[in-house]
Amino acid sequence: MTKRESIIRQNLIIKKLRKKPATFSDINVYLSLESELQGYNFVTSKRTFQRDLQDIRSIYSIDILYDYSQKVYFIELEQQPVVSERILEAFDIFNALSISDRLNEFINFEKRKPLGTENLLGILHSIKKRFEIKFSYHKYWDEEISERVVEPLALKEFKNRWYVIANDLKDYTIKSFALDRLTALEITNKRFIGNNSFNVNEHFKHCFGIIGPNENKPQYIILSFHPIQGKYIKSLPLHDSQQIILDSENELRIELKLVITFDFLMELLSFGEYLKVLKPSSLINDIKTSLINTLKQY
């Protein structure tokens, strides 16, 4: 039995139990079906299954429990951390990529440049150990590459891109640096004291995207969506603060509490005629100005 086979089997066990509780026999029936589909032998003994449960707890931080009254294994989904879900998601993608050469005619992957994820582990190490880092950085609007020395504070993901949130020692300002525009990363031996008052979740609590609040105050925003578009907004909320005010066959109206940033403005413009901004007036004017300037291009 290969290590790869063991990892895939563990992933399948999790997928089965995420749907609903199951007996050991039910799990093995499912593994047998997957064995035929994937060309492996996933069927397991009770002893190996117990080892799998230990590995799943260690690798994925997911506890698979046993209900003695119903004799089924189950996962308490509400208790699972976000990181566990992302690990499983990443493994699903990895598994699809690894067999794509055999299923090339059935899978259409997006063609895009690497996202700089090769630096994730080094940056995370620097954040935890509080080491300053150096790197070369290329802004999209600047032809010159600048050299940066920063104190890394956190990592943040936005729209499939990763960013390091750091204190830039050039002007001692907290900034976001995209990993796909970062090269020649060097982890220095110089430690920094750290900003104990900085919390990445609190920093971006009222923000959409990667642009920080910059001392601006959040505002209450009311948006009206076409009912078809509204279904997407309900299934994938724009922000954690999203509240539904009205949900009818003619309109979905929501309220958000956000700092209005360029990222948020661009997101709203992407909805085109399927969105109408109702409040605040300053945002309405920003949308109008942008649309007028767009029309001038034609």
C-alpha atoms as a PDB file:
ATOM      1  CA  MET A   1       0.000   0.000   0.000  1.00  0.00           C
ATOM      2  CA  THR A   2       1.477   3.335  -1.091  1.00  0.00           C
ATOM      3  CA  LYS A   3       1.456   6.525   0.957  1.00  0.00           C
ATOM      4  CA  ARG A   4      -0.523   8.210  -1.815  1.00  0.00           C
ATOM      5  CA  GLU A   5      -3.176   5.480  -1.606  1.00  0.00           C
ATOM      6  CA  SER A   6      -3.440   5.995   2.166  1.00  0.00           C
ATOM      7  CA  ILE A   7      -3.844   9.772   1.813  1.00  0.00           C
ATOM      8  CA  ILE A   8      -6.537   9.451  -0.856  1.00  0.00           C
ATOM      9  CA  ARG A   9      -8.378   6.840   1.241  1.00  0.00           C
ATOM     10  CA  GLN A  10      -8.343   9.158   4.267  1.00  0.00           C
ATOM     11  CA  ASN A  11      -9.688  11.977   2.129  1.00  0.00           C
ATOM     12  CA  LEU A  12     -12.488   9.718   0.879  1.00  0.00           C
ATOM     13  CA  ILE A  13     -13.406   8.727   4.439  1.00  0.00           C
ATOM     14  CA  ILE A  14     -13.739  12.409   5.340  1.00  0.00           C
ATOM     15  CA  LYS A  15     -15.829  13.141   2.226  1.00  0.00           C
ATOM     16  CA  LYS A  16     -18.174  10.265   3.031  1.00  0.00           C
ATOM     17  CA  LEU A  17     -18.699  11.370   6.626  1.00  0.00           C
ATOM     18  CA  ARG A  18     -19.085  15.038   5.747  1.00  0.00           C
ATOM     19  CA  LYS A  19     -22.248  14.086   3.869  1.00  0.00           C
ATOM     20  CA  LYS A  20     -23.790  11.993   6.665  1.00  0.00           C
ATOM     21  CA  PRO A  21     -22.847   9.559   9.449  1.00  0.00           C
ATOM     22  CA  ALA A  22     -22.023   6.011   8.316  1.00  0.00           C
ATOM     23  CA  THR A  23     -21.203   2.603   9.684  1.00  0.00           C
ATOM     24  CA  PHE A  24     -17.842   0.977   9.060  1.00  0.00           C
ATOM     25  CA  SER A  25     -19.555  -1.300   6.542  1.00  0.00           C
ATOM     26  CA  ASP A  26     -21.096   1.691   4.697  1.00  0.00           C
ATOM     27  CA  ILE A  27     -17.678   3.340   4.512  1.00  0.00           C
ATOM     28  CA  ASN A  28     -16.075   0.228   3.038  1.00  0.00           C
ATOM     29  CA  VAL A  29     -18.826  -0.070   0.396  1.00  0.00           C
ATOM     30  CA  TYR A  30     -18.108   3.529  -0.600  1.00  0.00           C
ATOM     31  CA  LEU A  31     -14.347   2.848  -0.668  1.00  0.00           C
ATOM     32  CA  SER A  32     -14.946  -0.181  -2.866  1.00  0.00           C
ATOM     33  CA  LEU A  33     -16.834   1.924  -5.422  1.00  0.00           C
ATOM     34  CA  GLU A  34     -14.087   4.551  -5.408  1.00  0.00           C
ATOM     35  CA  SER A  35     -11.496   1.791  -5.886  1.00  0.00           C
ATOM     36  CA  GLU A  36     -13.133   0.853  -9.181  1.00  0.00           C
ATOM     37  CA  LEU A  37     -13.287   4.485 -10.306  1.00  0.00           C
ATOM     38  CA  GLN A  38      -9.717   5.426  -9.397  1.00  0.00           C
ATOM     39  CA  GLY A  39      -7.868   2.165  -9.970  1.00  0.00           C
ATOM     40  CA  TYR A  40      -6.702   1.692  -6.354  1.00  0.00           C
ATOM     41  CA  ASN A  41      -7.632  -0.655  -3.543  1.00  0.00           C
ATOM     42  CA  PHE A  42      -9.109   1.571  -0.834  1.00  0.00           C
ATOM     43  CA  VAL A  43     -10.998  -1.160   1.050  1.00  0.00           C
ATOM     44  CA  THR A  44      -9.629  -1.233   4.586  1.00  0.00           C
ATOM     45  CA  SER A  45      -9.515  -3.346   7.712  1.00  0.00           C
ATOM     46  CA  LYS A  46     -10.856  -2.128  11.059  1.00  0.00           C
ATOM     47  CA  ARG A  47      -7.295  -1.813  12.388  1.00  0.00           C
ATOM     48  CA  THR A  48      -6.119   0.281   9.406  1.00  0.00           C
ATOM     49  CA  PHE A  49      -9.301   2.356   9.650  1.00  0.00           C
ATOM     50  CA  GLN A  50      -8.479   3.259  13.256  1.00  0.00           C
ATOM     51  CA  ARG A  51      -4.984   4.340  12.169  1.00  0.00           C
ATOM     52  CA  ASP A  52      -6.607   6.457   9.453  1.00  0.00           C
ATOM     53  CA  LEU A  53      -8.726   8.209  12.076  1.00  0.00           C
ATOM     54  CA  GLN A  54      -5.577   9.080  14.040  1.00  0.00           C
ATOM     55  CA  ASP A  55      -3.845  10.389  10.903  1.00  0.00           C
ATOM     56  CA  ILE A  56      -6.905  12.427   9.942  1.00  0.00           C
ATOM     57  CA  ARG A  57      -6.893  14.040  13.398  1.00  0.00           C
ATOM     58  CA  SER A  58      -3.162  14.787  13.120  1.00  0.00           C
ATOM     59  CA  ILE A  59      -3.017  15.977   9.487  1.00  0.00           C
ATOM     60  CA  TYR A  60      -6.404  17.637   8.953  1.00  0.00           C
ATOM     61  CA  SER A  61      -7.291  18.574  12.573  1.00  0.00           C
ATOM     62  CA  ILE A  62     -10.604  16.792  12.056  1.00  0.00           C
ATOM     63  CA  ASP A  63     -12.041  14.551  14.779  1.00  0.00           C
ATOM     64  CA  ILE A  64     -14.103  11.613  13.556  1.00  0.00           C
ATOM     65  CA  LEU A  65     -16.302  10.443  16.413  1.00  0.00           C
ATOM     66  CA  TYR A  66     -18.293   7.261  17.034  1.00  0.00           C
ATOM     67  CA  ASP A  67     -21.942   7.187  18.096  1.00  0.00           C
ATOM     68  CA  TYR A  68     -22.307   3.981  20.130  1.00  0.00           C
ATOM     69  CA  SER A  69     -26.109   4.127  20.187  1.00  0.00           C
ATOM     70  CA  GLN A  70     -26.451   4.243  16.375  1.00  0.00           C
ATOM     71  CA  LYS A  71     -23.107   2.515  15.661  1.00  0.00           C
ATOM     72  CA  VAL A  72     -22.044   5.134  13.151  1.00  0.00           C
ATOM     73  CA  TYR A  73     -19.007   7.357  12.655  1.00  0.00           C
ATOM     74  CA  PHE A  74     -19.600  11.088  12.203  1.00  0.00           C
ATOM     75  CA  ILE A  75     -17.973  14.522  11.972  1.00  0.00           C
ATOM     76  CA  GLU A  76     -19.319  17.531  13.860  1.00  0.00           C
ATOM     77  CA  LEU A  77     -19.101  19.914  10.902  1.00  0.00           C
ATOM     78  CA  GLU A  78     -19.897  23.048  12.906  1.00  0.00           C
ATOM     79  CA  GLN A  79     -16.829  22.432  15.061  1.00  0.00           C
ATOM     80  CA  GLN A  80     -14.386  22.145  12.142  1.00  0.00           C
ATOM     81  CA  PRO A  81     -11.982  25.083  11.651  1.00  0.00           C
ATOM     82  CA  VAL A  82     -11.772  26.870   8.288  1.00  0.00           C
ATOM     83  CA  VAL A  83      -8.206  25.637   7.813  1.00  0.00           C
ATOM     84  CA  SER A  84      -9.444  22.019   7.785  1.00  0.00           C
ATOM     85  CA  GLU A  85     -11.883  22.811   4.979  1.00  0.00           C
ATOM     86  CA  ARG A  86      -9.148  24.504   2.978  1.00  0.00           C
ATOM     87  CA  ILE A  87      -6.778  21.552   3.409  1.00  0.00           C
ATOM     88  CA  LEU A  88      -9.460  19.232   2.028  1.00  0.00           C
ATOM     89  CA  GLU A  89     -10.214  21.626  -0.816  1.00  0.00           C
ATOM     90  CA  ALA A  90      -6.526  21.816  -1.719  1.00  0.00           C
ATOM     91  CA  PHE A  91      -6.232  18.048  -1.696  1.00  0.00           C
ATOM     92  CA  ASP A  92      -9.252  17.704  -4.010  1.00  0.00           C
ATOM     93  CA  ILE A  93      -7.581  20.046  -6.492  1.00  0.00           C
ATOM     94  CA  PHE A  94      -4.246  18.254  -6.156  1.00  0.00           C
ATOM     95  CA  ASN A  95      -5.901  14.922  -6.833  1.00  0.00           C
ATOM     96  CA  ALA A  96      -7.647  16.292  -9.930  1.00  0.00           C
ATOM     97  CA  LEU A  97      -4.407  17.819 -11.220  1.00  0.00           C
ATOM     98  CA  SER A  98      -2.487  14.608 -10.717  1.00  0.00           C
ATOM     99  CA  ILE A  99      -4.816  12.619 -12.983  1.00  0.00           C
ATOM    100  CA  SER A 100      -5.487  15.412 -15.498  1.00  0.00           C
ATOM    101  CA  ASP A 101      -3.047  13.890 -17.995  1.00  0.00           C
ATOM    102  CA  ARG A 102      -5.331  10.856 -18.212  1.00  0.00           C
ATOM    103  CA  LEU A 103      -8.529  12.948 -18.302  1.00  0.00           C
ATOM    104  CA  ASN A 104      -7.290  15.930 -20.296  1.00  0.00           C
ATOM    105  CA  GLU A 105     -10.317  15.930 -22.585  1.00  0.00           C
ATOM    106  CA  PHE A 106     -12.686  16.226 -19.616  1.00  0.00           C
ATOM    107  CA  ILE A 107     -10.945  18.859 -17.460  1.00  0.00           C
ATOM    108  CA  ASN A 108     -10.397  22.475 -18.449  1.00  0.00           C
ATOM    109  CA  PHE A 109      -8.061  24.192 -15.985  1.00  0.00           C
ATOM    110  CA  GLU A 110      -7.693  27.953 -15.914  1.00  0.00           C
ATOM    111  CA  LYS A 111      -4.400  29.056 -17.436  1.00  0.00           C
ATOM    112  CA  ARG A 112      -2.746  31.575 -15.158  1.00  0.00           C
ATOM    113  CA  LYS A 113       0.615  32.557 -13.776  1.00  0.00           C
ATOM    114  CA  PRO A 114       1.877  31.042 -10.489  1.00  0.00           C
ATOM    115  CA  LEU A 115       0.501  32.745  -7.387  1.00  0.00           C
ATOM    116  CA  GLY A 116       3.735  32.945  -5.401  1.00  0.00           C
ATOM    117  CA  THR A 117       2.646  30.205  -3.029  1.00  0.00           C
ATOM    118  CA  GLU A 118       6.210  28.831  -2.964  1.00  0.00           C
ATOM    119  CA  ASN A 119       6.937  31.619  -0.436  1.00  0.00           C
ATOM    120  CA  LEU A 120       3.984  30.878   1.859  1.00  0.00           C
ATOM    121  CA  LEU A 121       5.859  28.556   4.203  1.00  0.00           C
ATOM    122  CA  GLY A 122       8.909  30.842   4.537  1.00  0.00           C
ATOM    123  CA  ILE A 123       6.765  33.894   5.240  1.00  0.00           C
ATOM    124  CA  LEU A 124       4.614  32.028   7.753  1.00  0.00           C
ATOM    125  CA  HIS A 125       7.791  30.898   9.542  1.00  0.00           C
ATOM    126  CA  SER A 126       8.981  34.524   9.657  1.00  0.00           C
ATOM    127  CA  ILE A 127       5.652  35.684  11.072  1.00  0.00           C
ATOM    128  CA  LYS A 128       5.693  33.089  13.845  1.00  0.00           C
ATOM    129  CA  LYS A 129       9.367  33.611  14.738  1.00  0.00           C
ATOM    130  CA  ARG A 130       9.258  37.388  14.103  1.00  0.00           C
ATOM    131  CA  PHE A 131      12.087  37.636  11.613  1.00  0.00           C
ATOM    132  CA  GLU A 132      12.331  40.610   9.266  1.00  0.00           C
ATOM    133  CA  ILE A 133      12.179  39.673   5.590  1.00  0.00           C
ATOM    134  CA  LYS A 134      13.648  41.256   2.461  1.00  0.00           C
ATOM    135  CA  PHE A 135      12.312  40.944  -1.069  1.00  0.00           C
ATOM    136  CA  SER A 136      12.072  42.613  -4.458  1.00  0.00           C
ATOM    137  CA  TYR A 137       8.621  43.970  -5.281  1.00  0.00           C
ATOM    138  CA  HIS A 138       7.088  44.935  -8.613  1.00  0.00           C
ATOM    139  CA  LYS A 139       3.926  47.066  -8.580  1.00  0.00           C
ATOM    140  CA  TYR A 140       1.700  46.806 -11.646  1.00  0.00           C
ATOM    141  CA  TRP A 141       1.686  50.593 -12.075  1.00  0.00           C
ATOM    142  CA  ASP A 142       5.428  51.030 -11.550  1.00  0.00           C
ATOM    143  CA  GLU A 143       8.033  49.783 -14.025  1.00  0.00           C
ATOM    144  CA  GLU A 144      10.813  49.835 -11.440  1.00  0.00           C
ATOM    145  CA  ILE A 145      11.338  47.000  -8.981  1.00  0.00           C
ATOM    146  CA  SER A 146      11.765  48.198  -5.398  1.00  0.00           C
ATOM    147  CA  GLU A 147      13.656  46.513  -2.575  1.00  0.00           C
ATOM    148  CA  ARG A 148      11.648  46.118   0.628  1.00  0.00           C
ATOM    149  CA  VAL A 149      12.501  45.278   4.225  1.00  0.00           C
ATOM    150  CA  VAL A 150       9.413  44.555   6.295  1.00  0.00           C
ATOM    151  CA  GLU A 151       8.127  43.057   9.520  1.00  0.00           C
ATOM    152  CA  PRO A 152       5.632  40.375   8.408  1.00  0.00           C
ATOM    153  CA  LEU A 153       2.472  40.317  10.513  1.00  0.00           C
ATOM    154  CA  ALA A 154      -0.025  38.056   8.757  1.00  0.00           C
ATOM    155  CA  LEU A 155      -1.063  36.329   5.538  1.00  0.00           C
ATOM    156  CA  LYS A 156      -4.339  37.098   3.772  1.00  0.00           C
ATOM    157  CA  GLU A 157      -6.115  35.583   0.796  1.00  0.00           C
ATOM    158  CA  PHE A 158      -8.340  37.538  -1.585  1.00  0.00           C
ATOM    159  CA  LYS A 159      -9.725  36.317  -4.914  1.00  0.00           C
ATOM    160  CA  ASN A 160      -7.303  33.399  -5.203  1.00  0.00           C
ATOM    161  CA  ARG A 161      -4.289  35.608  -4.498  1.00  0.00           C
ATOM    162  CA  TRP A 162      -2.159  35.578  -1.360  1.00  0.00           C
ATOM    163  CA  TYR A 163      -0.805  38.693   0.350  1.00  0.00           C
ATOM    164  CA  VAL A 164       1.590  39.276   3.208  1.00  0.00           C
ATOM    165  CA  ILE A 165       0.439  42.031   5.567  1.00  0.00           C
ATOM    166  CA  ALA A 166       3.552  43.727   6.882  1.00  0.00           C
ATOM    167  CA  ASN A 167       4.983  46.792   8.547  1.00  0.00           C
ATOM    168  CA  ASP A 168       7.084  48.465   5.837  1.00  0.00           C
ATOM    169  CA  LEU A 169      10.255  49.746   7.533  1.00  0.00           C
ATOM    170  CA  LYS A 170      10.635  52.444   4.875  1.00  0.00           C
ATOM    171  CA  ASP A 171       7.796  54.489   6.374  1.00  0.00           C
ATOM    172  CA  TYR A 172       6.552  52.273   9.245  1.00  0.00           C
ATOM    173  CA  THR A 173       3.153  51.794   7.608  1.00  0.00           C
ATOM    174  CA  ILE A 174       1.165  48.569   7.485  1.00  0.00           C
ATOM    175  CA  LYS A 175       0.831  47.491   3.835  1.00  0.00           C
ATOM    176  CA  SER A 176      -0.250  44.526   1.730  1.00  0.00           C
ATOM    177  CA  PHE A 177       2.214  42.855  -0.659  1.00  0.00           C
ATOM    178  CA  ALA A 178       1.003  40.351  -3.261  1.00  0.00           C
ATOM    179  CA  LEU A 179       3.038  37.154  -3.238  1.00  0.00           C
ATOM    180  CA  ASP A 180       2.874  36.815  -7.028  1.00  0.00           C
ATOM    181  CA  ARG A 181       4.715  40.155  -7.382  1.00  0.00           C
ATOM    182  CA  LEU A 182       7.320  39.293  -4.758  1.00  0.00           C
ATOM    183  CA  THR A 183      10.702  37.774  -5.702  1.00  0.00           C
ATOM    184  CA  ALA A 184      14.102  37.080  -4.146  1.00  0.00           C
ATOM    185  CA  LEU A 185      12.635  36.492  -0.678  1.00  0.00           C
ATOM    186  CA  GLU A 186      15.241  36.483   2.101  1.00  0.00           C
ATOM    187  CA  ILE A 187      14.485  35.626   5.709  1.00  0.00           C
ATOM    188  CA  THR A 188      16.926  37.666   7.772  1.00  0.00           C
ATOM    189  CA  ASN A 189      18.352  36.880  11.202  1.00  0.00           C
ATOM    190  CA  LYS A 190      17.062  40.161  12.579  1.00  0.00           C
ATOM    191  CA  ARG A 191      14.101  39.786  14.912  1.00  0.00           C
ATOM    192  CA  PHE A 192      11.461  42.429  15.535  1.00  0.00           C
ATOM    193  CA  ILE A 193       9.468  43.064  18.680  1.00  0.00           C
ATOM    194  CA  GLY A 194       6.147  42.731  16.908  1.00  0.00           C
ATOM    195  CA  ASN A 195       2.906  44.620  17.014  1.00  0.00           C
ATOM    196  CA  ASN A 196       0.869  42.926  19.738  1.00  0.00           C
ATOM    197  CA  SER A 197      -2.055  45.249  19.040  1.00  0.00           C
ATOM    198  CA  PHE A 198      -2.327  44.103  15.408  1.00  0.00           C
ATOM    199  CA  ASN A 199      -4.938  41.477  14.639  1.00  0.00           C
ATOM    200  CA  VAL A 200      -5.440  40.698  10.951  1.00  0.00           C
ATOM    201  CA  ASN A 201      -9.106  39.728  11.418  1.00  0.00           C
ATOM    202  CA  GLU A 202      -9.892  42.939  13.292  1.00  0.00           C
ATOM    203  CA  HIS A 203      -7.842  45.019  10.839  1.00  0.00           C
ATOM    204  CA  PHE A 204      -9.922  43.826   7.866  1.00  0.00           C
ATOM    205  CA  LYS A 205     -13.195  43.344   9.768  1.00  0.00           C
ATOM    206  CA  HIS A 206     -14.963  46.160   7.904  1.00  0.00           C
ATOM    207  CA  CYS A 207     -13.031  45.876   4.644  1.00  0.00           C
ATOM    208  CA  PHE A 208     -13.740  44.221   1.338  1.00  0.00           C
ATOM    209  CA  GLY A 209     -10.591  42.904  -0.284  1.00  0.00           C
ATOM    210  CA  ILE A 210      -7.001  43.694   0.512  1.00  0.00           C
ATOM    211  CA  ILE A 211      -7.097  47.461   1.021  1.00  0.00           C
ATOM    212  CA  GLY A 212      -7.065  48.310   4.734  1.00  0.00           C
ATOM    213  CA  PRO A 213      -9.316  50.869   6.424  1.00  0.00           C
ATOM    214  CA  ASN A 214      -6.583  53.569   6.516  1.00  0.00           C
ATOM    215  CA  GLU A 215      -8.347  55.209   9.464  1.00  0.00           C
ATOM    216  CA  ASN A 216     -11.610  55.573   7.503  1.00  0.00           C
ATOM    217  CA  LYS A 217     -14.828  54.691   9.304  1.00  0.00           C
ATOM    218  CA  PRO A 218     -17.194  51.946   8.108  1.00  0.00           C
ATOM    219  CA  GLN A 219     -20.508  53.010   6.609  1.00  0.00           C
ATOM    220  CA  TYR A 220     -23.879  51.332   6.237  1.00  0.00           C
ATOM    221  CA  ILE A 221     -24.405  50.414   2.597  1.00  0.00           C
ATOM    222  CA  ILE A 222     -27.701  49.310   1.026  1.00  0.00           C
ATOM    223  CA  LEU A 223     -27.655  47.474  -2.303  1.00  0.00           C
ATOM    224  CA  SER A 224     -30.519  46.289  -4.510  1.00  0.00           C
ATOM    225  CA  PHE A 225     -29.916  43.283  -6.805  1.00  0.00           C
ATOM    226  CA  HIS A 226     -31.876  41.770  -9.654  1.00  0.00           C
ATOM    227  CA  PRO A 227     -33.523  38.598  -8.210  1.00  0.00           C
ATOM    228  CA  ILE A 228     -31.452  36.221 -10.377  1.00  0.00           C
ATOM    229  CA  GLN A 229     -28.199  37.876  -9.319  1.00  0.00           C
ATOM    230  CA  GLY A 230     -29.575  37.941  -5.795  1.00  0.00           C
ATOM    231  CA  LYS A 231     -29.490  34.137  -5.659  1.00  0.00           C
ATOM    232  CA  TYR A 232     -25.721  34.228  -6.155  1.00  0.00           C
ATOM    233  CA  ILE A 233     -25.344  36.943  -3.504  1.00  0.00           C
ATOM    234  CA  LYS A 234     -27.279  34.833  -0.998  1.00  0.00           C
ATOM    235  CA  SER A 235     -25.191  31.739  -1.690  1.00  0.00           C
ATOM    236  CA  LEU A 236     -21.897  33.660  -1.659  1.00  0.00           C
ATOM    237  CA  PRO A 237     -22.260  36.798   0.519  1.00  0.00           C
ATOM    238  CA  LEU A 238     -20.211  39.858  -0.356  1.00  0.00           C
ATOM    239  CA  HIS A 239     -19.079  40.267   3.256  1.00  0.00           C
ATOM    240  CA  ASP A 240     -19.589  38.828   6.736  1.00  0.00           C
ATOM    241  CA  SER A 241     -21.702  41.858   7.679  1.00  0.00           C
ATOM    242  CA  GLN A 242     -24.266  41.133   4.935  1.00  0.00           C
ATOM    243  CA  GLN A 243     -27.875  41.249   6.126  1.00  0.00           C
ATOM    244  CA  ILE A 244     -30.948  40.644   3.951  1.00  0.00           C
ATOM    245  CA  ILE A 245     -33.482  43.478   4.165  1.00  0.00           C
ATOM    246  CA  LEU A 246     -35.845  42.373   1.395  1.00  0.00           C
ATOM    247  CA  ASP A 247     -36.061  39.133  -0.567  1.00  0.00           C
ATOM    248  CA  SER A 248     -38.881  39.082  -3.110  1.00  0.00           C
ATOM    249  CA  GLU A 249     -39.497  37.882  -6.651  1.00  0.00           C
ATOM    250  CA  ASN A 250     -38.512  41.350  -7.901  1.00  0.00           C
ATOM    251  CA  GLU A 251     -35.494  42.238  -5.768  1.00  0.00           C
ATOM    252  CA  LEU A 252     -32.892  41.194  -3.225  1.00  0.00           C
ATOM    253  CA  ARG A 253     -31.966  44.092  -0.956  1.00  0.00           C
ATOM    254  CA  ILE A 254     -29.045  43.774   1.442  1.00  0.00           C
ATOM    255  CA  GLU A 255     -27.231  45.909   3.994  1.00  0.00           C
ATOM    256  CA  LEU A 256     -23.477  45.887   4.620  1.00  0.00           C
ATOM    257  CA  LYS A 257     -21.233  47.675   7.074  1.00  0.00           C
ATOM    258  CA  LEU A 258     -17.977  48.460   5.281  1.00  0.00           C
ATOM    259  CA  VAL A 259     -15.233  50.947   4.655  1.00  0.00           C
ATOM    260  CA  ILE A 260     -15.681  51.985   1.020  1.00  0.00           C
ATOM    261  CA  THR A 261     -12.460  51.159  -0.815  1.00  0.00           C
ATOM    262  CA  PHE A 262     -11.355  50.857  -4.433  1.00  0.00           C
ATOM    263  CA  ASP A 263     -11.633  47.050  -4.181  1.00  0.00           C
ATOM    264  CA  PHE A 264     -15.269  47.325  -3.125  1.00  0.00           C
ATOM    265  CA  LEU A 265     -16.104  49.893  -5.818  1.00  0.00           C
ATOM    266  CA  MET A 266     -14.650  47.595  -8.517  1.00  0.00           C
ATOM    267  CA  GLU A 267     -16.675  44.680  -7.176  1.00  0.00           C
ATOM    268  CA  LEU A 268     -19.915  46.661  -7.374  1.00  0.00           C
ATOM    269  CA  LEU A 269     -19.179  47.837 -10.914  1.00  0.00           C
ATOM    270  CA  SER A 270     -18.736  44.210 -11.996  1.00  0.00           C
ATOM    271  CA  PHE A 271     -22.472  43.604 -11.423  1.00  0.00           C
ATOM    272  CA  GLY A 272     -23.425  46.175 -14.082  1.00  0.00           C
ATOM    273  CA  GLU A 273     -27.159  46.617 -14.669  1.00  0.00           C
ATOM    274  CA  TYR A 274     -28.046  43.923 -12.126  1.00  0.00           C
ATOM    275  CA  LEU A 275     -27.204  46.173  -9.175  1.00  0.00           C
ATOM    276  CA  LYS A 276     -28.471  49.508  -7.894  1.00  0.00           C
ATOM    277  CA  VAL A 277     -26.786  51.277  -4.984  1.00  0.00           C
ATOM    278  CA  LEU A 278     -29.364  52.835  -2.661  1.00  0.00           C
ATOM    279  CA  LYS A 279     -27.115  54.177   0.125  1.00  0.00           C
ATOM    280  CA  PRO A 280     -24.903  56.055   0.917  1.00  0.00           C
ATOM    281  CA  SER A 281     -25.050  59.004  -1.469  1.00  0.00           C
ATOM    282  CA  SER A 282     -21.239  59.231  -1.647  1.00  0.00           C
ATOM    283  CA  LEU A 283     -21.065  55.683  -3.028  1.00  0.00           C
ATOM    284  CA  ILE A 284     -23.863  56.408  -5.495  1.00  0.00           C
ATOM    285  CA  ASN A 285     -21.870  59.366  -6.803  1.00  0.00           C
ATOM    286  CA  ASP A 286     -18.704  57.257  -7.092  1.00  0.00           C
ATOM    287  CA  ILE A 287     -20.588  54.662  -9.154  1.00  0.00           C
ATOM    288  CA  LYS A 288     -22.092  57.356 -11.408  1.00  0.00           C
ATOM    289  CA  THR A 289     -18.709  59.007 -11.976  1.00  0.00           C
ATOM    290  CA  SER A 290     -17.087  55.704 -12.862  1.00  0.00           C
ATOM    291  CA  LEU A 291     -19.865  54.772 -15.299  1.00  0.00           C
ATOM    292  CA  ILE A 292     -19.735  58.194 -16.966  1.00  0.00           C
ATOM    293  CA  ASN A 293     -15.974  57.886 -17.394  1.00  0.00           C
ATOM    294  CA  THR A 294     -16.452  54.384 -18.815  1.00  0.00           C
ATOM    295  CA  LEU A 295     -18.926  55.658 -21.425  1.00  0.00           C
ATOM    296  CA  LYS A 296     -16.413  58.312 -22.480  1.00  0.00           C
ATOM    297  CA  GLN A 297     -14.193  55.468 -23.668  1.00  0.00           C
ATOM    298  CA  TYR A 298     -16.690  54.653 -26.441  1.00  0.00           C
END
